[in-house]
Amino acid sequence: MLRPTGLKTDRVEVSLFPMISLLEERRKELKPIAAGSLEVYPERIDANMAIPQDALTPILQMLIAGRLKFVVMRGAKFRYRSARLVSYSLQTKLTEDDLMAEAAD
């Protein structure tokens, strides 16, 4: 975990929730207030993120193959040990852009 710094844990548990409402033909009408959320606990941080239902199979295949290594999340500052995620991505490697965006925060 690169940021935020100063947390008492660096353990993050990510839960992906497949949602039928995020299928391409349905999500055009959505105006979500968040892409997910973070909750801070003394021993871990929980990340809960919705994904399109049809993305579940390729994501599971990448996880099983050990290809997905990083989750890049951007969101609001923590307030009362929780934060809304504005965006997230599952990646095989970190790019310079990811690291530069982190340094700018």
N, C-alpha and C. Protein backbone atom coordinates (compact mmCIF):
# COMPACT_ATOMS: atom_id res chain seq x y z
N MET A 1 0.85 -1.17 0.00
CA MET A 1 0.00 0.00 0.00
C MET A 1 0.89 1.23 0.00
N LEU A 2 0.75 2.05 -1.03
CA LEU A 2 1.59 3.23 -1.15
C LEU A 2 1.01 4.44 -0.43
N ARG A 3 -0.29 4.66 -0.56
CA ARG A 3 -0.92 5.81 0.05
C ARG A 3 -2.30 5.42 0.51
N PRO A 4 -2.84 6.00 1.51
CA PRO A 4 -2.23 7.05 2.32
C PRO A 4 -1.18 6.46 3.26
N THR A 5 -0.23 7.29 3.59
CA THR A 5 0.81 6.87 4.52
C THR A 5 0.32 7.10 5.94
N GLY A 6 0.97 6.48 6.88
CA GLY A 6 0.63 6.70 8.28
C GLY A 6 -0.45 5.81 8.84
N LEU A 7 -0.97 4.89 8.04
CA LEU A 7 -1.96 3.96 8.57
C LEU A 7 -1.26 2.88 9.38
N LYS A 8 -1.98 2.29 10.31
CA LYS A 8 -1.37 1.29 11.18
C LYS A 8 -1.26 -0.08 10.52
N THR A 9 -1.82 -0.26 9.35
CA THR A 9 -1.76 -1.53 8.65
C THR A 9 -1.45 -1.31 7.18
N ASP A 10 -0.87 -2.31 6.56
CA ASP A 10 -0.67 -2.26 5.11
C ASP A 10 -1.39 -3.43 4.45
N ARG A 11 -2.28 -4.08 5.19
CA ARG A 11 -3.06 -5.21 4.67
C ARG A 11 -4.37 -4.68 4.10
N VAL A 12 -4.65 -5.03 2.84
CA VAL A 12 -5.87 -4.61 2.18
C VAL A 12 -6.59 -5.83 1.64
N GLU A 13 -7.86 -5.95 1.94
CA GLU A 13 -8.69 -7.02 1.39
C GLU A 13 -9.65 -6.40 0.38
N VAL A 14 -9.61 -6.91 -0.84
CA VAL A 14 -10.43 -6.37 -1.93
C VAL A 14 -11.55 -7.35 -2.24
N SER A 15 -12.78 -6.85 -2.25
CA SER A 15 -13.94 -7.66 -2.63
C SER A 15 -14.55 -7.04 -3.88
N LEU A 16 -14.72 -7.87 -4.90
CA LEU A 16 -15.34 -7.44 -6.15
C LEU A 16 -16.74 -8.02 -6.21
N PHE A 17 -17.71 -7.17 -6.44
CA PHE A 17 -19.10 -7.59 -6.48
C PHE A 17 -19.65 -7.46 -7.89
N PRO A 18 -19.89 -8.60 -8.58
CA PRO A 18 -20.45 -8.52 -9.92
C PRO A 18 -21.90 -8.04 -9.86
N MET A 19 -22.20 -7.07 -10.71
CA MET A 19 -23.55 -6.50 -10.71
C MET A 19 -24.10 -6.49 -12.13
N ILE A 20 -25.30 -6.98 -12.27
CA ILE A 20 -25.95 -7.01 -13.57
C ILE A 20 -26.29 -5.59 -14.05
N SER A 21 -26.49 -4.67 -13.11
CA SER A 21 -26.83 -3.29 -13.48
C SER A 21 -25.66 -2.56 -14.15
N LEU A 22 -24.44 -3.14 -14.08
CA LEU A 22 -23.28 -2.51 -14.70
C LEU A 22 -22.97 -3.07 -16.09
N LEU A 23 -23.84 -3.93 -16.62
CA LEU A 23 -23.65 -4.39 -18.00
C LEU A 23 -23.71 -3.19 -18.93
N GLU A 24 -22.99 -3.26 -20.04
CA GLU A 24 -22.79 -2.10 -20.91
C GLU A 24 -24.08 -1.40 -21.31
N GLU A 25 -25.11 -2.15 -21.70
CA GLU A 25 -26.34 -1.51 -22.15
C GLU A 25 -27.10 -0.84 -21.00
N ARG A 26 -26.88 -1.28 -19.77
CA ARG A 26 -27.58 -0.70 -18.62
C ARG A 26 -26.80 0.44 -17.98
N ARG A 27 -25.48 0.39 -18.01
CA ARG A 27 -24.70 1.39 -17.26
C ARG A 27 -24.68 2.76 -17.92
N LYS A 28 -25.13 2.87 -19.16
CA LYS A 28 -25.19 4.17 -19.82
C LYS A 28 -26.13 5.12 -19.07
N GLU A 29 -27.12 4.58 -18.41
CA GLU A 29 -28.11 5.39 -17.69
C GLU A 29 -27.72 5.66 -16.24
N LEU A 30 -26.70 4.98 -15.75
CA LEU A 30 -26.31 5.13 -14.35
C LEU A 30 -25.55 6.42 -14.10
N LYS A 31 -25.76 6.98 -12.94
CA LYS A 31 -25.01 8.14 -12.48
C LYS A 31 -24.57 7.85 -11.04
N PRO A 32 -23.58 6.95 -10.89
CA PRO A 32 -23.19 6.52 -9.55
C PRO A 32 -22.48 7.63 -8.77
N ILE A 33 -22.63 7.59 -7.47
CA ILE A 33 -21.92 8.55 -6.61
C ILE A 33 -20.54 8.03 -6.24
N ALA A 34 -20.31 6.72 -6.47
CA ALA A 34 -19.00 6.14 -6.15
C ALA A 34 -18.82 4.84 -6.93
N ALA A 35 -17.56 4.46 -7.14
CA ALA A 35 -17.23 3.20 -7.79
C ALA A 35 -17.03 2.10 -6.76
N GLY A 36 -16.99 2.48 -5.50
CA GLY A 36 -16.78 1.53 -4.41
C GLY A 36 -16.50 2.27 -3.13
N SER A 37 -16.02 1.53 -2.14
CA SER A 37 -15.74 2.17 -0.85
C SER A 37 -14.58 1.48 -0.15
N LEU A 38 -13.99 2.21 0.78
CA LEU A 38 -12.92 1.70 1.64
C LEU A 38 -13.36 1.86 3.09
N GLU A 39 -13.05 0.86 3.89
CA GLU A 39 -13.31 0.92 5.33
C GLU A 39 -12.01 0.56 6.04
N VAL A 40 -11.61 1.36 7.01
CA VAL A 40 -10.37 1.11 7.75
C VAL A 40 -10.68 0.43 9.08
N TYR A 41 -9.99 -0.68 9.34
CA TYR A 41 -10.06 -1.40 10.59
C TYR A 41 -8.65 -1.45 11.16
N PRO A 42 -8.49 -1.73 12.45
CA PRO A 42 -7.14 -1.76 13.02
C PRO A 42 -6.19 -2.72 12.31
N GLU A 43 -6.70 -3.86 11.87
CA GLU A 43 -5.82 -4.87 11.28
C GLU A 43 -5.83 -4.91 9.76
N ARG A 44 -6.74 -4.16 9.11
CA ARG A 44 -6.83 -4.22 7.65
C ARG A 44 -7.67 -3.06 7.10
N ILE A 45 -7.61 -2.94 5.79
CA ILE A 45 -8.49 -2.03 5.06
C ILE A 45 -9.32 -2.89 4.12
N ASP A 46 -10.63 -2.71 4.13
CA ASP A 46 -11.52 -3.44 3.23
C ASP A 46 -11.89 -2.53 2.06
N ALA A 47 -11.72 -3.05 0.86
CA ALA A 47 -12.14 -2.35 -0.35
C ALA A 47 -13.29 -3.13 -0.96
N ASN A 48 -14.39 -2.47 -1.21
CA ASN A 48 -15.56 -3.08 -1.84
C ASN A 48 -15.83 -2.35 -3.15
N MET A 49 -15.79 -3.12 -4.25
CA MET A 49 -15.93 -2.50 -5.57
C MET A 49 -16.88 -3.29 -6.44
N ALA A 50 -17.75 -2.59 -7.12
CA ALA A 50 -18.68 -3.22 -8.06
C ALA A 50 -17.99 -3.39 -9.41
N ILE A 51 -18.28 -4.52 -10.06
CA ILE A 51 -17.76 -4.76 -11.41
C ILE A 51 -18.92 -5.21 -12.28
N PRO A 52 -18.82 -5.00 -13.59
CA PRO A 52 -19.85 -5.55 -14.48
C PRO A 52 -19.84 -7.08 -14.37
N GLN A 53 -21.01 -7.67 -14.37
CA GLN A 53 -21.11 -9.12 -14.21
C GLN A 53 -20.32 -9.87 -15.27
N ASP A 54 -20.30 -9.36 -16.50
CA ASP A 54 -19.58 -10.06 -17.57
C ASP A 54 -18.06 -9.93 -17.46
N ALA A 55 -17.57 -9.12 -16.54
CA ALA A 55 -16.12 -8.99 -16.34
C ALA A 55 -15.60 -10.00 -15.32
N LEU A 56 -16.49 -10.68 -14.62
CA LEU A 56 -16.06 -11.59 -13.57
C LEU A 56 -15.18 -12.73 -14.10
N THR A 57 -15.58 -13.38 -15.18
CA THR A 57 -14.81 -14.51 -15.70
C THR A 57 -13.40 -14.11 -16.11
N PRO A 58 -13.21 -13.05 -16.92
CA PRO A 58 -11.83 -12.68 -17.27
C PRO A 58 -10.99 -12.26 -16.06
N ILE A 59 -11.61 -11.60 -15.09
CA ILE A 59 -10.87 -11.19 -13.89
C ILE A 59 -10.43 -12.43 -13.11
N LEU A 60 -11.33 -13.39 -12.94
CA LEU A 60 -10.97 -14.62 -12.24
C LEU A 60 -9.86 -15.38 -12.97
N GLN A 61 -9.91 -15.42 -14.29
CA GLN A 61 -8.86 -16.08 -15.06
C GLN A 61 -7.51 -15.41 -14.84
N MET A 62 -7.50 -14.09 -14.82
CA MET A 62 -6.25 -13.35 -14.60
C MET A 62 -5.74 -13.58 -13.17
N LEU A 63 -6.63 -13.62 -12.20
CA LEU A 63 -6.23 -13.88 -10.81
C LEU A 63 -5.66 -15.28 -10.65
N ILE A 64 -6.32 -16.27 -11.23
CA ILE A 64 -5.85 -17.65 -11.14
C ILE A 64 -4.48 -17.79 -11.79
N ALA A 65 -4.27 -17.10 -12.91
CA ALA A 65 -2.98 -17.16 -13.61
C ALA A 65 -1.90 -16.35 -12.90
N GLY A 66 -2.28 -15.60 -11.86
CA GLY A 66 -1.30 -14.80 -11.12
C GLY A 66 -0.86 -13.56 -11.87
N ARG A 67 -1.67 -13.09 -12.82
CA ARG A 67 -1.29 -11.93 -13.63
C ARG A 67 -1.64 -10.60 -12.96
N LEU A 68 -2.74 -10.54 -12.25
CA LEU A 68 -3.13 -9.29 -11.60
C LEU A 68 -2.33 -9.12 -10.33
N LYS A 69 -1.60 -8.01 -10.25
CA LYS A 69 -0.70 -7.77 -9.11
C LYS A 69 -1.06 -6.52 -8.32
N PHE A 70 -1.75 -5.57 -8.95
CA PHE A 70 -1.98 -4.27 -8.31
C PHE A 70 -3.43 -3.83 -8.49
N VAL A 71 -3.92 -3.13 -7.49
CA VAL A 71 -5.20 -2.43 -7.57
C VAL A 71 -4.89 -0.96 -7.33
N VAL A 72 -5.18 -0.13 -8.31
CA VAL A 72 -4.98 1.31 -8.17
C VAL A 72 -6.35 1.92 -7.89
N MET A 73 -6.46 2.56 -6.72
CA MET A 73 -7.73 3.14 -6.30
C MET A 73 -7.55 4.63 -6.06
N ARG A 74 -8.53 5.38 -6.49
CA ARG A 74 -8.54 6.82 -6.24
C ARG A 74 -9.88 7.20 -5.64
N GLY A 75 -9.82 8.08 -4.65
CA GLY A 75 -11.07 8.45 -4.01
C GLY A 75 -10.91 9.62 -3.08
N ALA A 76 -11.95 9.83 -2.31
CA ALA A 76 -11.99 10.93 -1.36
C ALA A 76 -11.08 10.59 -0.17
N LYS A 77 -10.77 11.60 0.62
CA LYS A 77 -10.00 11.36 1.84
C LYS A 77 -10.85 10.59 2.83
N PHE A 78 -10.17 9.85 3.70
CA PHE A 78 -10.89 9.09 4.72
C PHE A 78 -11.60 10.03 5.66
N ARG A 79 -12.83 9.66 6.00
CA ARG A 79 -13.61 10.41 6.99
C ARG A 79 -14.34 9.38 7.84
N TYR A 80 -14.12 9.44 9.12
CA TYR A 80 -14.69 8.45 10.04
C TYR A 80 -14.35 7.03 9.59
N ARG A 81 -13.10 6.82 9.22
CA ARG A 81 -12.55 5.53 8.83
C ARG A 81 -13.16 4.93 7.57
N SER A 82 -13.76 5.77 6.71
CA SER A 82 -14.26 5.25 5.44
C SER A 82 -14.05 6.31 4.35
N ALA A 83 -14.05 5.83 3.11
CA ALA A 83 -13.86 6.73 1.97
C ALA A 83 -14.58 6.15 0.76
N ARG A 84 -15.07 7.03 -0.09
CA ARG A 84 -15.68 6.62 -1.36
C ARG A 84 -14.59 6.55 -2.42
N LEU A 85 -14.68 5.52 -3.25
CA LEU A 85 -13.76 5.41 -4.39
C LEU A 85 -14.38 6.07 -5.60
N VAL A 86 -13.59 6.90 -6.27
CA VAL A 86 -14.03 7.55 -7.50
C VAL A 86 -13.72 6.65 -8.69
N SER A 87 -12.58 5.97 -8.62
CA SER A 87 -12.20 5.05 -9.70
C SER A 87 -11.25 3.99 -9.15
N TYR A 88 -11.13 2.92 -9.90
CA TYR A 88 -10.17 1.88 -9.57
C TYR A 88 -9.82 1.13 -10.85
N SER A 89 -8.68 0.47 -10.82
CA SER A 89 -8.30 -0.39 -11.93
C SER A 89 -7.48 -1.56 -11.39
N LEU A 90 -7.61 -2.69 -12.04
CA LEU A 90 -6.84 -3.89 -11.72
C LEU A 90 -5.74 -3.98 -12.75
N GLN A 91 -4.48 -4.09 -12.30
CA GLN A 91 -3.36 -3.98 -13.25
C GLN A 91 -2.33 -5.09 -13.03
N THR A 92 -1.60 -5.36 -14.10
CA THR A 92 -0.51 -6.34 -14.03
C THR A 92 0.78 -5.69 -13.57
N LYS A 93 0.90 -4.37 -13.76
CA LYS A 93 2.08 -3.64 -13.30
C LYS A 93 1.70 -2.19 -13.08
N LEU A 94 2.49 -1.50 -12.26
CA LEU A 94 2.29 -0.07 -12.04
C LEU A 94 3.04 0.69 -13.12
N THR A 95 2.40 1.73 -13.62
CA THR A 95 3.04 2.58 -14.62
C THR A 95 3.58 3.83 -13.95
N GLU A 96 4.40 4.55 -14.69
CA GLU A 96 4.92 5.82 -14.15
C GLU A 96 3.80 6.79 -13.87
N ASP A 97 2.76 6.77 -14.70
CA ASP A 97 1.62 7.66 -14.48
C ASP A 97 0.95 7.37 -13.15
N ASP A 98 0.83 6.08 -12.80
CA ASP A 98 0.24 5.72 -11.50
C ASP A 98 1.06 6.26 -10.36
N LEU A 99 2.37 6.11 -10.46
CA LEU A 99 3.25 6.57 -9.39
C LEU A 99 3.30 8.09 -9.33
N MET A 100 3.26 8.76 -10.48
CA MET A 100 3.28 10.22 -10.50
C MET A 100 1.98 10.77 -9.91
N ALA A 101 0.85 10.15 -10.21
CA ALA A 101 -0.42 10.60 -9.64
C ALA A 101 -0.39 10.45 -8.14
N GLU A 102 0.22 9.40 -7.64
CA GLU A 102 0.33 9.21 -6.20
C GLU A 102 1.17 10.28 -5.57
N ALA A 103 2.26 10.66 -6.23
CA ALA A 103 3.14 11.68 -5.67
C ALA A 103 2.47 13.05 -5.67
N ALA A 104 1.57 13.30 -6.61
CA ALA A 104 0.90 14.59 -6.70
C ALA A 104 -0.18 14.76 -5.63
N ASP A 105 -0.70 13.65 -5.09
CA ASP A 105 -1.76 13.72 -4.10
C ASP A 105 -1.32 14.32 -2.80
